[in-house]
Structures are given as structure tokens and as C-alpha cells.
């Protein structure tokens, strides 16, 4: 049983940092450098322009997180952009799907008319398959866009 709620920056920050650092340390699924600092993650994942959420399991452990924000400023602000992370030891349990479905609902509530993922690493096959299963389409690929 997973509950998704708005993140409490002070209370949840360290747990979100733990997920973030575990996910990026392999350097093969996200564009974040594996050496990204806690401060840099904080400025990005908890930026004023974002709403950050956490997935909490039946043991009250934070097992995943996502943010939602306008994809662009001004005339592009009607399209949402999100980023999702699930702690590696909790992957394969459908948490990513639940986070995405939650974000789609939040996007509707906030008045967004669409959602765009700017960077999905093509070798992150689980993410690509999940987004396609949920109705998202690949509209472009950048050759050598990921180091």
C-alpha cells in the first residue's frame, strides 16, 4: 500500500536525498552527474517553481518521489514537466506507475493541458516502457544526448 503526499521539505529532505543519491550513483538512467551534491539536489528537486511529492509505504518509509512544474515559462507554462525516482530496492513494485498516475491527476487539477518529459534516457528501458504504457509518445530522440 503506497500513499502519495506533498513533500514536507524539512521533514522529508534527507529521505528524498537518499533516494536521489542512490538512483543517480550508477550514472546510467538520469542526466544528473553521480557527484551531484545535496545542495544542488535541493536547489533542483525542491525549487520554488516545483511541487514535490513523496510515496510512502505501509512502514512510513519514503520509497519514491517526483516533482511537477511548468515545462517552460510564459507561453509554455500550460504544459507540465515531471521527474520521478523510486529507491532501487523498491523498484519493480509499481511505484513509478503510481507516481506517474498521481502526477497526471495533479497536472489536471493545476490546469495543465499536457505533460512533456524532456529527458528520458533511452537505455532506461523500464521508464520508456512505463511511459509508453501510460500513453506517452516518443516525439524525438537526440543522438548522443546522454554521455
Protein backbone atom coordinates (compact mmCIF):
# COMPACT_ATOMS: atom_id res chain seq x y z
CA UNK A 1 0.00 0.00 0.00
CA UNK A 2 1.52 3.30 -1.14
CA UNK A 3 0.33 6.77 -0.15
CA UNK A 4 1.45 9.76 -2.17
CA UNK A 5 1.54 13.13 -0.48
CA UNK A 6 3.10 16.54 -0.90
CA UNK A 7 6.65 16.50 0.41
CA UNK A 8 7.45 18.35 3.60
CA UNK A 9 10.78 19.90 2.69
CA UNK A 10 12.16 19.97 6.23
CA UNK A 11 10.85 16.57 7.28
CA UNK A 12 11.38 14.65 4.02
CA UNK A 13 14.51 16.24 2.55
CA UNK A 14 17.03 13.71 3.89
CA UNK A 15 14.97 10.74 2.70
CA UNK A 16 14.49 12.29 -0.74
CA UNK A 17 18.23 12.95 -0.86
CA UNK A 18 18.87 9.29 -0.05
CA UNK A 19 16.64 8.16 -2.94
CA UNK A 20 18.15 10.72 -5.30
CA UNK A 21 21.74 9.79 -4.48
CA UNK A 22 21.05 6.05 -4.76
CA UNK A 23 19.32 6.44 -8.12
CA UNK A 24 21.94 8.67 -9.76
CA UNK A 25 25.05 6.93 -8.43
CA UNK A 26 25.14 4.45 -11.33
CA UNK A 27 25.13 7.28 -13.88
CA UNK A 28 23.06 5.31 -16.37
CA UNK A 29 19.42 6.38 -16.04
CA UNK A 30 19.29 10.12 -15.28
CA UNK A 31 21.21 13.14 -16.57
CA UNK A 32 22.30 14.12 -13.07
CA UNK A 33 26.03 13.69 -12.51
CA UNK A 34 26.64 10.95 -9.90
CA UNK A 35 28.62 13.51 -7.89
CA UNK A 36 25.67 15.92 -7.61
CA UNK A 37 25.78 17.49 -4.16
CA UNK A 38 22.99 17.57 -1.59
CA UNK A 39 22.79 21.34 -2.04
CA UNK A 40 22.47 21.07 -5.82
CA UNK A 41 19.76 18.42 -5.48
CA UNK A 42 17.92 20.63 -3.02
CA UNK A 43 18.00 23.61 -5.37
CA UNK A 44 16.67 21.44 -8.19
CA UNK A 45 14.21 18.95 -6.63
CA UNK A 46 12.73 21.48 -4.17
CA UNK A 47 12.85 24.60 -6.35
CA UNK A 48 10.16 27.22 -5.81
CA UNK A 49 8.75 26.52 -9.27
CA UNK A 50 8.07 22.87 -8.39
CA UNK A 51 5.67 20.90 -6.30
CA UNK A 52 7.44 17.87 -4.85
CA UNK A 53 5.67 14.70 -3.73
CA UNK A 54 6.74 11.54 -1.94
CA UNK A 55 5.47 7.96 -1.99
CA UNK A 56 5.19 6.48 1.49
CA UNK A 57 4.84 2.75 2.11
CA UNK A 58 2.96 0.90 4.86
CA UNK A 59 6.03 1.23 7.15
CA UNK A 60 6.03 5.03 6.74
CA UNK A 61 9.21 4.81 4.65
CA UNK A 62 9.61 7.18 1.72
CA UNK A 63 10.19 4.90 -1.27
CA UNK A 64 9.77 7.30 -4.17
CA UNK A 65 9.47 10.94 -5.13
CA UNK A 66 8.51 13.17 -8.01
CA UNK A 67 8.24 16.82 -8.89
CA UNK A 68 5.84 18.64 -11.18
CA UNK A 69 6.46 22.06 -12.67
CA UNK A 70 5.70 24.12 -15.76
CA UNK A 71 7.76 22.75 -18.63
CA UNK A 72 8.62 26.27 -19.76
CA UNK A 73 7.94 29.81 -18.61
CA UNK A 74 5.36 32.14 -20.07
CA UNK A 75 3.66 30.77 -23.16
CA UNK A 76 4.91 27.24 -22.42
CA UNK A 77 3.67 27.13 -18.85
CA UNK A 78 0.47 25.26 -19.71
CA UNK A 79 2.46 22.04 -20.24
CA UNK A 80 3.71 20.16 -17.18
CA UNK A 81 7.10 18.58 -16.74
CA UNK A 82 7.85 15.92 -14.13
CA UNK A 83 10.76 13.92 -12.81
CA UNK A 84 10.35 10.66 -10.91
CA UNK A 85 12.60 8.50 -8.77
CA UNK A 86 11.96 5.25 -6.92
CA UNK A 87 14.50 3.89 -4.47
CA UNK A 88 16.32 0.98 -6.20
CA UNK A 89 15.34 -1.54 -3.52
CA UNK A 90 11.66 -0.71 -4.11
CA UNK A 91 11.67 -0.76 -7.92
CA UNK A 92 9.50 -3.31 -9.71
CA UNK A 93 6.54 -2.84 -7.34
CA UNK A 94 4.54 -0.42 -9.49
CA UNK A 95 5.53 2.65 -7.52
CA UNK A 96 6.74 4.53 -10.61
CA UNK A 97 3.39 3.89 -12.27
CA UNK A 98 1.54 5.16 -9.19
CA UNK A 99 3.72 8.28 -9.09
CA UNK A 100 3.04 8.99 -12.77
CA UNK A 101 -0.70 8.42 -12.44
CA UNK A 102 -0.72 10.73 -9.41
CA UNK A 103 1.19 13.39 -11.34
CA UNK A 104 -1.29 13.22 -14.23
CA UNK A 105 -4.11 13.88 -11.77
CA UNK A 106 -2.21 16.73 -10.13
CA UNK A 107 -1.46 18.19 -13.58
CA UNK A 108 -5.17 18.21 -14.40
CA UNK A 109 -6.01 19.81 -11.05
CA UNK A 110 -3.40 22.52 -11.66
CA UNK A 111 -4.82 23.25 -15.10
CA UNK A 112 -2.04 21.86 -17.27
CA UNK A 113 -3.22 20.72 -20.71
CA UNK A 114 -0.38 18.28 -21.36
CA UNK A 115 2.78 16.74 -19.97
CA UNK A 116 6.21 16.51 -21.52
CA UNK A 117 9.26 14.61 -20.31
CA UNK A 118 12.28 16.48 -21.63
CA UNK A 119 14.92 13.84 -20.96
CA UNK A 120 14.25 10.13 -20.72
CA UNK A 121 17.47 8.20 -21.23
CA UNK A 122 16.72 5.68 -23.99
CA UNK A 123 18.63 2.90 -22.24
CA UNK A 124 16.35 3.31 -19.19
CA UNK A 125 14.07 0.72 -20.74
CA UNK A 126 11.81 0.33 -17.71
CA UNK A 127 10.98 4.03 -17.76
CA UNK A 128 10.49 4.13 -21.53
CA UNK A 129 8.15 1.13 -21.43
CA UNK A 130 6.19 2.56 -18.50
CA UNK A 131 5.68 5.97 -20.11
CA UNK A 132 4.56 4.33 -23.35
CA UNK A 133 2.19 2.03 -21.44
CA UNK A 134 0.66 5.12 -19.84
CA UNK A 135 0.05 6.69 -23.26
CA UNK A 136 3.10 8.89 -23.74
CA UNK A 137 4.74 9.01 -27.16
CA UNK A 138 8.37 9.48 -28.11
CA UNK A 139 8.41 12.63 -30.22
CA UNK A 140 12.14 12.87 -30.70
CA UNK A 141 15.48 11.34 -29.92
CA UNK A 142 18.75 13.22 -29.56
CA UNK A 143 21.64 11.10 -30.80
CA UNK A 144 24.46 11.10 -28.23
CA UNK A 145 22.31 13.33 -25.99
CA UNK A 146 23.44 11.35 -22.93
CA UNK A 147 27.10 10.96 -22.02
